[in-house]
Amino acid sequence: MIDSHVNLHHESFATDFDEVLERAAEAGVHAMLTICDKMASLPAIEAISTPRNNVWHSVGVHPHYADDYQDLTISQLVAASANPKAIGIGETGLDFHYGYSAEAAQIAVFRTHIEAARATGLPLIVHTRQADELTATILEEEMGKGAFKILLHCYTSGLDLLQRGLNLGAYVSFSGIATFKNATDVREAARLVPLDRLLIETDCPYLAPIPMRGRRNEPAFLPHVSQYLADFYGIETREFADLTDRNFFALFDKAVL
């Protein structure tokens, strides 16, 4: 299994980082993509991915930090993505739930990331919360200017954004939220995603799946997500893991193991 979205530079992993990676390997997680939340974090993230042949990273700014990166340029993202281990742009998008950054700043920074994804050919890793309509509209507008690849990560949004994203060729990733008892809307969305565009993730250290809910999440918990979804789709366990691996490499085609 490949964990398509981890946050390995998070402070909660500082005291047992090596053990976290060991447990992941023992659990069958053979590769992972660690996500950039802001450009200031990039040196620490590169230090994690560079010496490890099974860890890649992304380049970008989470919408929570958009206020601090209103001067972010396409060229900065493109230059940072030249690193051989940089395989995605983001995570980026719109988050109007917390409002940590002004909506206008989030929109501007989101469009900058889209232009960088278009310029580099790397997938755009999209985070969206309580901004479905605007996220879909921006993705459609920008696709009209030139193609780029999309991953709707940790999908919890509605069916309209899902369908509009799928119409743009988006891949969709599901996390441990899919295992939550009350997440019927997430499972409803999962039924609509073509199996050749489906990815899995932990989004650790957040969103630990059942039966680990309430604990710090880590990549070793990915099998709980994978097994749940394999059962959900009626696919044999190993076949499902192989399927999501193939989808990962189809989308993140710069990644080399």
C-alpha atoms as a PDB file:
ATOM      1  CA  MET A   1       0.000   0.000   0.000  1.00  0.00           C
ATOM      2  CA  ILE A   2       1.011   3.598  -0.647  1.00  0.00           C
ATOM      3  CA  ASP A   3      -0.117   6.304   1.750  1.00  0.00           C
ATOM      4  CA  SER A   4      -0.878   9.171  -0.620  1.00  0.00           C
ATOM      5  CA  HIS A   5      -1.068  11.877   2.066  1.00  0.00           C
ATOM      6  CA  VAL A   6       0.988  12.034   5.258  1.00  0.00           C
ATOM      7  CA  ASN A   7       2.361  14.941   7.278  1.00  0.00           C
ATOM      8  CA  LEU A   8       5.618  13.448   8.522  1.00  0.00           C
ATOM      9  CA  HIS A   9       7.146  16.774   9.540  1.00  0.00           C
ATOM     10  CA  HIS A  10       4.371  17.299  12.079  1.00  0.00           C
ATOM     11  CA  GLU A  11       5.653  17.892  15.598  1.00  0.00           C
ATOM     12  CA  SER A  12       3.734  14.903  16.951  1.00  0.00           C
ATOM     13  CA  PHE A  13       6.186  12.598  15.148  1.00  0.00           C
ATOM     14  CA  ALA A  14       9.304  14.273  16.546  1.00  0.00           C
ATOM     15  CA  THR A  15       9.965  11.825  19.363  1.00  0.00           C
ATOM     16  CA  ASP A  16       9.378   8.512  17.568  1.00  0.00           C
ATOM     17  CA  PHE A  17       9.878   9.285  13.874  1.00  0.00           C
ATOM     18  CA  ASP A  18      12.006   6.232  13.067  1.00  0.00           C
ATOM     19  CA  GLU A  19       9.601   3.938  14.882  1.00  0.00           C
ATOM     20  CA  VAL A  20       6.693   5.420  12.918  1.00  0.00           C
ATOM     21  CA  LEU A  21       8.408   4.492   9.651  1.00  0.00           C
ATOM     22  CA  GLU A  22       9.284   1.032  10.960  1.00  0.00           C
ATOM     23  CA  ARG A  23       5.694   0.361  11.963  1.00  0.00           C
ATOM     24  CA  ALA A  24       4.502   1.524   8.564  1.00  0.00           C
ATOM     25  CA  ALA A  25       6.826  -0.909   6.800  1.00  0.00           C
ATOM     26  CA  GLU A  26       5.740  -3.745   9.070  1.00  0.00           C
ATOM     27  CA  ALA A  27       2.113  -2.941   8.276  1.00  0.00           C
ATOM     28  CA  GLY A  28       2.731  -3.205   4.523  1.00  0.00           C
ATOM     29  CA  VAL A  29       2.915   0.496   3.709  1.00  0.00           C
ATOM     30  CA  HIS A  30       5.826   0.488   1.306  1.00  0.00           C
ATOM     31  CA  ALA A  31       5.786   4.139   0.182  1.00  0.00           C
ATOM     32  CA  MET A  32       4.240   7.479   1.074  1.00  0.00           C
ATOM     33  CA  LEU A  33       3.829  11.071  -0.044  1.00  0.00           C
ATOM     34  CA  THR A  34       4.553  13.631   2.675  1.00  0.00           C
ATOM     35  CA  ILE A  35       2.757  16.913   2.188  1.00  0.00           C
ATOM     36  CA  CYS A  36       4.008  20.488   2.280  1.00  0.00           C
ATOM     37  CA  ASP A  37       1.815  22.834   4.331  1.00  0.00           C
ATOM     38  CA  LYS A  38       3.862  25.993   3.774  1.00  0.00           C
ATOM     39  CA  MET A  39       7.092  26.915   2.034  1.00  0.00           C
ATOM     40  CA  ALA A  40       8.827  27.532   5.359  1.00  0.00           C
ATOM     41  CA  SER A  41       8.386  23.812   6.097  1.00  0.00           C
ATOM     42  CA  LEU A  42       9.985  22.692   2.843  1.00  0.00           C
ATOM     43  CA  PRO A  43      13.581  22.250   4.104  1.00  0.00           C
ATOM     44  CA  ALA A  44      12.383  19.933   6.874  1.00  0.00           C
ATOM     45  CA  ILE A  45      10.182  18.037   4.413  1.00  0.00           C
ATOM     46  CA  GLU A  46      12.998  17.652   1.888  1.00  0.00           C
ATOM     47  CA  ALA A  47      15.220  16.337   4.673  1.00  0.00           C
ATOM     48  CA  ILE A  48      12.669  13.569   5.232  1.00  0.00           C
ATOM     49  CA  SER A  49      12.158  12.564   1.595  1.00  0.00           C
ATOM     50  CA  THR A  50      15.659  12.996   0.157  1.00  0.00           C
ATOM     51  CA  PRO A  51      17.442  10.099   1.899  1.00  0.00           C
ATOM     52  CA  ARG A  52      14.496   7.680   1.551  1.00  0.00           C
ATOM     53  CA  ASN A  53      13.735   6.083  -1.801  1.00  0.00           C
ATOM     54  CA  ASN A  54      10.131   5.315  -0.803  1.00  0.00           C
ATOM     55  CA  VAL A  55       9.143   8.785   0.436  1.00  0.00           C
ATOM     56  CA  TRP A  56       8.247  11.683  -1.866  1.00  0.00           C
ATOM     57  CA  HIS A  57       7.014  15.160  -1.065  1.00  0.00           C
ATOM     58  CA  SER A  58       4.816  17.910  -2.432  1.00  0.00           C
ATOM     59  CA  VAL A  59       5.406  21.650  -2.722  1.00  0.00           C
ATOM     60  CA  GLY A  60       2.820  24.187  -1.678  1.00  0.00           C
ATOM     61  CA  VAL A  61       0.850  26.206   0.857  1.00  0.00           C
ATOM     62  CA  HIS A  62      -2.235  25.014   2.715  1.00  0.00           C
ATOM     63  CA  PRO A  63      -5.145  27.488   2.491  1.00  0.00           C
ATOM     64  CA  HIS A  64      -4.870  28.073   6.242  1.00  0.00           C
ATOM     65  CA  TYR A  65      -1.588  29.919   5.550  1.00  0.00           C
ATOM     66  CA  ALA A  66      -2.639  31.835   2.439  1.00  0.00           C
ATOM     67  CA  ASP A  67      -2.559  35.187   4.261  1.00  0.00           C
ATOM     68  CA  ASP A  68       1.168  34.693   4.838  1.00  0.00           C
ATOM     69  CA  TYR A  69       1.890  33.806   1.194  1.00  0.00           C
ATOM     70  CA  GLN A  70       0.068  36.403  -0.873  1.00  0.00           C
ATOM     71  CA  ASP A  71       3.367  37.120  -2.633  1.00  0.00           C
ATOM     72  CA  LEU A  72       3.899  33.467  -3.564  1.00  0.00           C
ATOM     73  CA  THR A  73       4.845  33.181  -7.230  1.00  0.00           C
ATOM     74  CA  ILE A  74       4.481  30.476  -9.822  1.00  0.00           C
ATOM     75  CA  SER A  75       8.234  30.531 -10.357  1.00  0.00           C
ATOM     76  CA  GLN A  76       8.855  29.775  -6.669  1.00  0.00           C
ATOM     77  CA  LEU A  77       6.651  26.711  -6.823  1.00  0.00           C
ATOM     78  CA  VAL A  78       8.101  25.590 -10.136  1.00  0.00           C
ATOM     79  CA  ALA A  79      11.669  25.982  -8.866  1.00  0.00           C
ATOM     80  CA  ALA A  80      10.933  24.035  -5.688  1.00  0.00           C
ATOM     81  CA  SER A  81       9.246  21.283  -7.675  1.00  0.00           C
ATOM     82  CA  ALA A  82      12.424  20.678  -9.673  1.00  0.00           C
ATOM     83  CA  ASN A  83      13.629  18.552  -6.759  1.00  0.00           C
ATOM     84  CA  PRO A  84      13.542  14.921  -7.984  1.00  0.00           C
ATOM     85  CA  LYS A  85      11.507  13.914  -4.935  1.00  0.00           C
ATOM     86  CA  ALA A  86       8.865  16.636  -5.446  1.00  0.00           C
ATOM     87  CA  ILE A  87       5.948  14.929  -7.201  1.00  0.00           C
ATOM     88  CA  GLY A  88       2.910  17.114  -6.455  1.00  0.00           C
ATOM     89  CA  ILE A  89       1.755  20.718  -6.033  1.00  0.00           C
ATOM     90  CA  GLY A  90      -0.051  21.528  -2.792  1.00  0.00           C
ATOM     91  CA  GLU A  91      -1.832  20.915  -0.717  1.00  0.00           C
ATOM     92  CA  THR A  92      -3.793  23.927  -1.792  1.00  0.00           C
ATOM     93  CA  GLY A  93      -7.408  24.920  -2.125  1.00  0.00           C
ATOM     94  CA  LEU A  94     -10.098  26.671  -0.116  1.00  0.00           C
ATOM     95  CA  ASP A  95     -11.075  26.224   3.530  1.00  0.00           C
ATOM     96  CA  PHE A  96     -13.867  28.532   4.606  1.00  0.00           C
ATOM     97  CA  HIS A  97     -14.688  26.500   7.728  1.00  0.00           C
ATOM     98  CA  TYR A  98     -11.987  27.877   9.987  1.00  0.00           C
ATOM     99  CA  GLY A  99     -11.316  31.134   8.175  1.00  0.00           C
ATOM    100  CA  TYR A 100      -7.668  31.228   9.201  1.00  0.00           C
ATOM    101  CA  SER A 101      -6.909  33.192   6.022  1.00  0.00           C
ATOM    102  CA  ALA A 102      -9.041  35.677   4.099  1.00  0.00           C
ATOM    103  CA  GLU A 103     -11.105  34.160   1.309  1.00  0.00           C
ATOM    104  CA  ALA A 104      -9.585  36.466  -1.296  1.00  0.00           C
ATOM    105  CA  ALA A 105      -6.074  35.427  -0.275  1.00  0.00           C
ATOM    106  CA  GLN A 106      -7.015  31.744  -0.437  1.00  0.00           C
ATOM    107  CA  ILE A 107      -8.454  32.151  -3.916  1.00  0.00           C
ATOM    108  CA  ALA A 108      -5.392  33.988  -5.223  1.00  0.00           C
ATOM    109  CA  VAL A 109      -2.942  31.481  -3.775  1.00  0.00           C
ATOM    110  CA  PHE A 110      -5.069  28.579  -5.063  1.00  0.00           C
ATOM    111  CA  ARG A 111      -4.900  29.946  -8.607  1.00  0.00           C
ATOM    112  CA  THR A 112      -1.133  30.378  -8.305  1.00  0.00           C
ATOM    113  CA  HIS A 113      -0.815  26.695  -7.413  1.00  0.00           C
ATOM    114  CA  ILE A 114      -2.996  25.726 -10.351  1.00  0.00           C
ATOM    115  CA  GLU A 115      -0.745  27.636 -12.732  1.00  0.00           C
ATOM    116  CA  ALA A 116       2.284  25.888 -11.227  1.00  0.00           C
ATOM    117  CA  ALA A 117       0.607  22.499 -11.651  1.00  0.00           C
ATOM    118  CA  ARG A 118      -0.119  23.335 -15.267  1.00  0.00           C
ATOM    119  CA  ALA A 119       3.466  24.496 -15.847  1.00  0.00           C
ATOM    120  CA  THR A 120       5.113  21.470 -14.223  1.00  0.00           C
ATOM    121  CA  GLY A 121       2.650  18.741 -15.144  1.00  0.00           C
ATOM    122  CA  LEU A 122       2.553  17.674 -11.494  1.00  0.00           C
ATOM    123  CA  PRO A 123      -0.793  16.819  -9.875  1.00  0.00           C
ATOM    124  CA  LEU A 124      -2.602  19.522  -7.919  1.00  0.00           C
ATOM    125  CA  ILE A 125      -3.458  18.239  -4.420  1.00  0.00           C
ATOM    126  CA  VAL A 126      -6.718  19.955  -3.484  1.00  0.00           C
ATOM    127  CA  HIS A 127      -8.047  20.556   0.021  1.00  0.00           C
ATOM    128  CA  THR A 128     -11.551  21.975   0.206  1.00  0.00           C
ATOM    129  CA  ARG A 129     -13.919  22.554   3.092  1.00  0.00           C
ATOM    130  CA  GLN A 130     -17.206  24.441   2.996  1.00  0.00           C
ATOM    131  CA  ALA A 131     -16.229  25.856  -0.392  1.00  0.00           C
ATOM    132  CA  ASP A 132     -17.561  23.255  -2.826  1.00  0.00           C
ATOM    133  CA  GLU A 133     -19.185  25.554  -5.370  1.00  0.00           C
ATOM    134  CA  LEU A 134     -16.285  27.971  -5.615  1.00  0.00           C
ATOM    135  CA  THR A 135     -13.697  25.172  -5.694  1.00  0.00           C
ATOM    136  CA  ALA A 136     -15.508  23.499  -8.585  1.00  0.00           C
ATOM    137  CA  THR A 137     -15.943  26.783 -10.448  1.00  0.00           C
ATOM    138  CA  ILE A 138     -12.264  27.709 -10.126  1.00  0.00           C
ATOM    139  CA  LEU A 139     -11.122  24.254 -11.246  1.00  0.00           C
ATOM    140  CA  GLU A 140     -13.416  24.435 -14.276  1.00  0.00           C
ATOM    141  CA  GLU A 141     -12.343  27.957 -15.171  1.00  0.00           C
ATOM    142  CA  GLU A 142      -8.687  27.087 -14.887  1.00  0.00           C
ATOM    143  CA  MET A 143      -9.044  23.852 -16.836  1.00  0.00           C
ATOM    144  CA  GLY A 144     -10.411  25.971 -19.650  1.00  0.00           C
ATOM    145  CA  LYS A 145      -7.078  27.813 -19.744  1.00  0.00           C
ATOM    146  CA  GLY A 146      -5.042  24.616 -20.086  1.00  0.00           C
ATOM    147  CA  ALA A 147      -5.046  21.098 -18.695  1.00  0.00           C
ATOM    148  CA  PHE A 148      -3.659  20.065 -15.319  1.00  0.00           C
ATOM    149  CA  LYS A 149      -4.027  16.988 -13.112  1.00  0.00           C
ATOM    150  CA  ILE A 150      -6.205  17.032  -9.987  1.00  0.00           C
ATOM    151  CA  LEU A 151      -6.378  15.020  -6.784  1.00  0.00           C
ATOM    152  CA  LEU A 152      -9.323  15.756  -4.497  1.00  0.00           C
ATOM    153  CA  HIS A 153      -7.696  14.653  -1.260  1.00  0.00           C
ATOM    154  CA  CYS A 154      -9.425  13.318   1.882  1.00  0.00           C
ATOM    155  CA  TYR A 155     -12.776  13.678   0.183  1.00  0.00           C
ATOM    156  CA  THR A 156     -15.623  14.776   2.462  1.00  0.00           C
ATOM    157  CA  SER A 157     -17.433  17.232   0.198  1.00  0.00           C
ATOM    158  CA  GLY A 158     -20.692  16.918  -1.671  1.00  0.00           C
ATOM    159  CA  LEU A 159     -21.681  15.008  -4.775  1.00  0.00           C
ATOM    160  CA  ASP A 160     -21.801  18.093  -7.007  1.00  0.00           C
ATOM    161  CA  LEU A 161     -18.120  18.921  -6.510  1.00  0.00           C
ATOM    162  CA  LEU A 162     -17.296  15.247  -6.844  1.00  0.00           C
ATOM    163  CA  GLN A 163     -19.042  14.902 -10.198  1.00  0.00           C
ATOM    164  CA  ARG A 164     -17.640  18.160 -11.531  1.00  0.00           C
ATOM    165  CA  GLY A 165     -14.169  17.074 -10.428  1.00  0.00           C
ATOM    166  CA  LEU A 166     -14.552  13.669 -12.040  1.00  0.00           C
ATOM    167  CA  ASN A 167     -15.662  15.390 -15.247  1.00  0.00           C
ATOM    168  CA  LEU A 168     -12.299  17.216 -15.175  1.00  0.00           C
ATOM    169  CA  GLY A 169     -10.437  13.928 -14.833  1.00  0.00           C
ATOM    170  CA  ALA A 170      -9.781  14.231 -11.104  1.00  0.00           C
ATOM    171  CA  TYR A 171      -8.583  11.401  -8.921  1.00  0.00           C
ATOM    172  CA  VAL A 172     -10.159  11.125  -5.466  1.00  0.00           C
ATOM    173  CA  SER A 173      -8.580   9.994  -2.209  1.00  0.00           C
ATOM    174  CA  PHE A 174     -10.354   8.694   0.882  1.00  0.00           C
ATOM    175  CA  SER A 175      -9.030   8.647   4.438  1.00  0.00           C
ATOM    176  CA  GLY A 176     -10.044   7.028   7.701  1.00  0.00           C
ATOM    177  CA  ILE A 177     -13.149   9.216   7.724  1.00  0.00           C
ATOM    178  CA  ALA A 178     -14.706   6.633   5.398  1.00  0.00           C
ATOM    179  CA  THR A 179     -14.667   4.157   8.303  1.00  0.00           C
ATOM    180  CA  PHE A 180     -16.568   6.460  10.683  1.00  0.00           C
ATOM    181  CA  LYS A 181     -20.065   5.251  11.525  1.00  0.00           C
ATOM    182  CA  ASN A 182     -21.739   8.561  10.685  1.00  0.00           C
ATOM    183  CA  ALA A 183     -19.803   9.210   7.447  1.00  0.00           C
ATOM    184  CA  THR A 184     -22.577   7.965   5.170  1.00  0.00           C
ATOM    185  CA  ASP A 185     -22.092  10.936   2.830  1.00  0.00           C
ATOM    186  CA  VAL A 186     -18.433  10.022   2.340  1.00  0.00           C
ATOM    187  CA  ARG A 187     -19.357   6.450   1.485  1.00  0.00           C
ATOM    188  CA  GLU A 188     -22.056   7.705  -0.878  1.00  0.00           C
ATOM    189  CA  ALA A 189     -19.358   9.687  -2.685  1.00  0.00           C
ATOM    190  CA  ALA A 190     -17.034   6.685  -2.705  1.00  0.00           C
ATOM    191  CA  ARG A 191     -19.618   4.659  -4.627  1.00  0.00           C
ATOM    192  CA  LEU A 192     -19.405   7.143  -7.511  1.00  0.00           C
ATOM    193  CA  VAL A 193     -15.619   7.218  -7.924  1.00  0.00           C
ATOM    194  CA  PRO A 194     -14.292   5.054 -10.780  1.00  0.00           C
ATOM    195  CA  LEU A 195     -11.976   2.424  -9.320  1.00  0.00           C
ATOM    196  CA  ASP A 196      -9.163   3.505 -11.634  1.00  0.00           C
ATOM    197  CA  ARG A 197      -9.183   6.982 -10.050  1.00  0.00           C
ATOM    198  CA  LEU A 198      -9.275   5.989  -6.390  1.00  0.00           C
ATOM    199  CA  LEU A 199      -6.464   6.576  -3.867  1.00  0.00           C
ATOM    200  CA  ILE A 200      -6.141   5.961  -0.125  1.00  0.00           C
ATOM    201  CA  GLU A 201      -4.474   7.999   2.595  1.00  0.00           C
ATOM    202  CA  THR A 202      -4.208   8.490   6.332  1.00  0.00           C
ATOM    203  CA  ASP A 203      -3.718  12.298   6.435  1.00  0.00           C
ATOM    204  CA  CYS A 204      -1.778  11.483   9.589  1.00  0.00           C
ATOM    205  CA  PRO A 205      -1.435  12.596  12.327  1.00  0.00           C
ATOM    206  CA  TYR A 206      -5.117  13.454  11.921  1.00  0.00           C
ATOM    207  CA  LEU A 207      -8.258  11.354  11.350  1.00  0.00           C
ATOM    208  CA  ALA A 208      -7.250   7.954  12.701  1.00  0.00           C
ATOM    209  CA  PRO A 209      -9.556   5.280  11.287  1.00  0.00           C
ATOM    210  CA  ILE A 210     -11.727   2.928  13.274  1.00  0.00           C
ATOM    211  CA  PRO A 211     -10.587   0.989  15.325  1.00  0.00           C
ATOM    212  CA  MET A 212      -7.788   3.490  16.079  1.00  0.00           C
ATOM    213  CA  ARG A 213     -10.000   6.548  16.333  1.00  0.00           C
ATOM    214  CA  GLY A 214      -8.949   8.928  19.103  1.00  0.00           C
ATOM    215  CA  ARG A 215      -5.267   8.064  18.765  1.00  0.00           C
ATOM    216  CA  ARG A 216      -2.564   9.929  16.883  1.00  0.00           C
ATOM    217  CA  ASN A 217      -2.859   8.684  13.330  1.00  0.00           C
ATOM    218  CA  GLU A 218       0.186   7.247  11.530  1.00  0.00           C
ATOM    219  CA  PRO A 219       0.900   5.483   8.228  1.00  0.00           C
ATOM    220  CA  ALA A 220       0.784   2.060   9.903  1.00  0.00           C
ATOM    221  CA  PHE A 221      -2.979   2.564  10.253  1.00  0.00           C
ATOM    222  CA  LEU A 222      -3.492   2.708   6.469  1.00  0.00           C
ATOM    223  CA  PRO A 223      -4.409  -1.009   6.272  1.00  0.00           C
ATOM    224  CA  HIS A 224      -7.568  -0.233   8.259  1.00  0.00           C
ATOM    225  CA  VAL A 225      -8.606   2.249   5.563  1.00  0.00           C
ATOM    226  CA  SER A 226      -7.609  -0.110   2.764  1.00  0.00           C
ATOM    227  CA  GLN A 227      -9.394  -3.128   4.231  1.00  0.00           C
ATOM    228  CA  TYR A 228     -12.552  -1.185   4.953  1.00  0.00           C
ATOM    229  CA  LEU A 229     -12.755   0.136   1.407  1.00  0.00           C
ATOM    230  CA  ALA A 230     -11.840  -3.248  -0.087  1.00  0.00           C
ATOM    231  CA  ASP A 231     -14.803  -4.748   1.760  1.00  0.00           C
ATOM    232  CA  PHE A 232     -16.964  -1.776   0.774  1.00  0.00           C
ATOM    233  CA  TYR A 233     -16.233  -2.325  -2.917  1.00  0.00           C
ATOM    234  CA  GLY A 234     -16.262  -6.114  -2.642  1.00  0.00           C
ATOM    235  CA  ILE A 235     -12.665  -6.452  -3.803  1.00  0.00           C
ATOM    236  CA  GLU A 236     -10.091  -8.894  -2.452  1.00  0.00           C
ATOM    237  CA  THR A 237      -7.680  -7.256   0.007  1.00  0.00           C
ATOM    238  CA  ARG A 238      -4.454  -7.623  -1.978  1.00  0.00           C
ATOM    239  CA  GLU A 239      -6.157  -6.767  -5.256  1.00  0.00           C
ATOM    240  CA  PHE A 240      -7.478  -3.529  -3.770  1.00  0.00           C
ATOM    241  CA  ALA A 241      -4.064  -2.564  -2.404  1.00  0.00           C
ATOM    242  CA  ASP A 242      -2.485  -3.236  -5.795  1.00  0.00           C
ATOM    243  CA  LEU A 243      -5.227  -1.237  -7.515  1.00  0.00           C
ATOM    244  CA  THR A 244      -4.630   1.850  -5.399  1.00  0.00           C
ATOM    245  CA  ASP A 245      -0.861   1.505  -5.885  1.00  0.00           C
ATOM    246  CA  ARG A 246      -1.317   1.497  -9.662  1.00  0.00           C
ATOM    247  CA  ASN A 247      -3.578   4.522  -9.442  1.00  0.00           C
ATOM    248  CA  PHE A 248      -0.992   6.373  -7.370  1.00  0.00           C
ATOM    249  CA  PHE A 249       1.717   5.883  -9.983  1.00  0.00           C
ATOM    250  CA  ALA A 250      -0.681   6.702 -12.813  1.00  0.00           C
ATOM    251  CA  LEU A 251      -1.399  10.069 -11.219  1.00  0.00           C
ATOM    252  CA  PHE A 252       1.986  10.828  -9.657  1.00  0.00           C
ATOM    253  CA  ASP A 253       3.949   9.678 -12.668  1.00  0.00           C
ATOM    254  CA  LYS A 254       7.119  11.465 -11.556  1.00  0.00           C
ATOM    255  CA  ALA A 255       7.390   9.080  -8.606  1.00  0.00           C
ATOM    256  CA  VAL A 256       9.981   6.346  -9.042  1.00  0.00           C
ATOM    257  CA  LEU A 257      10.478   3.424  -6.688  1.00  0.00           C
END
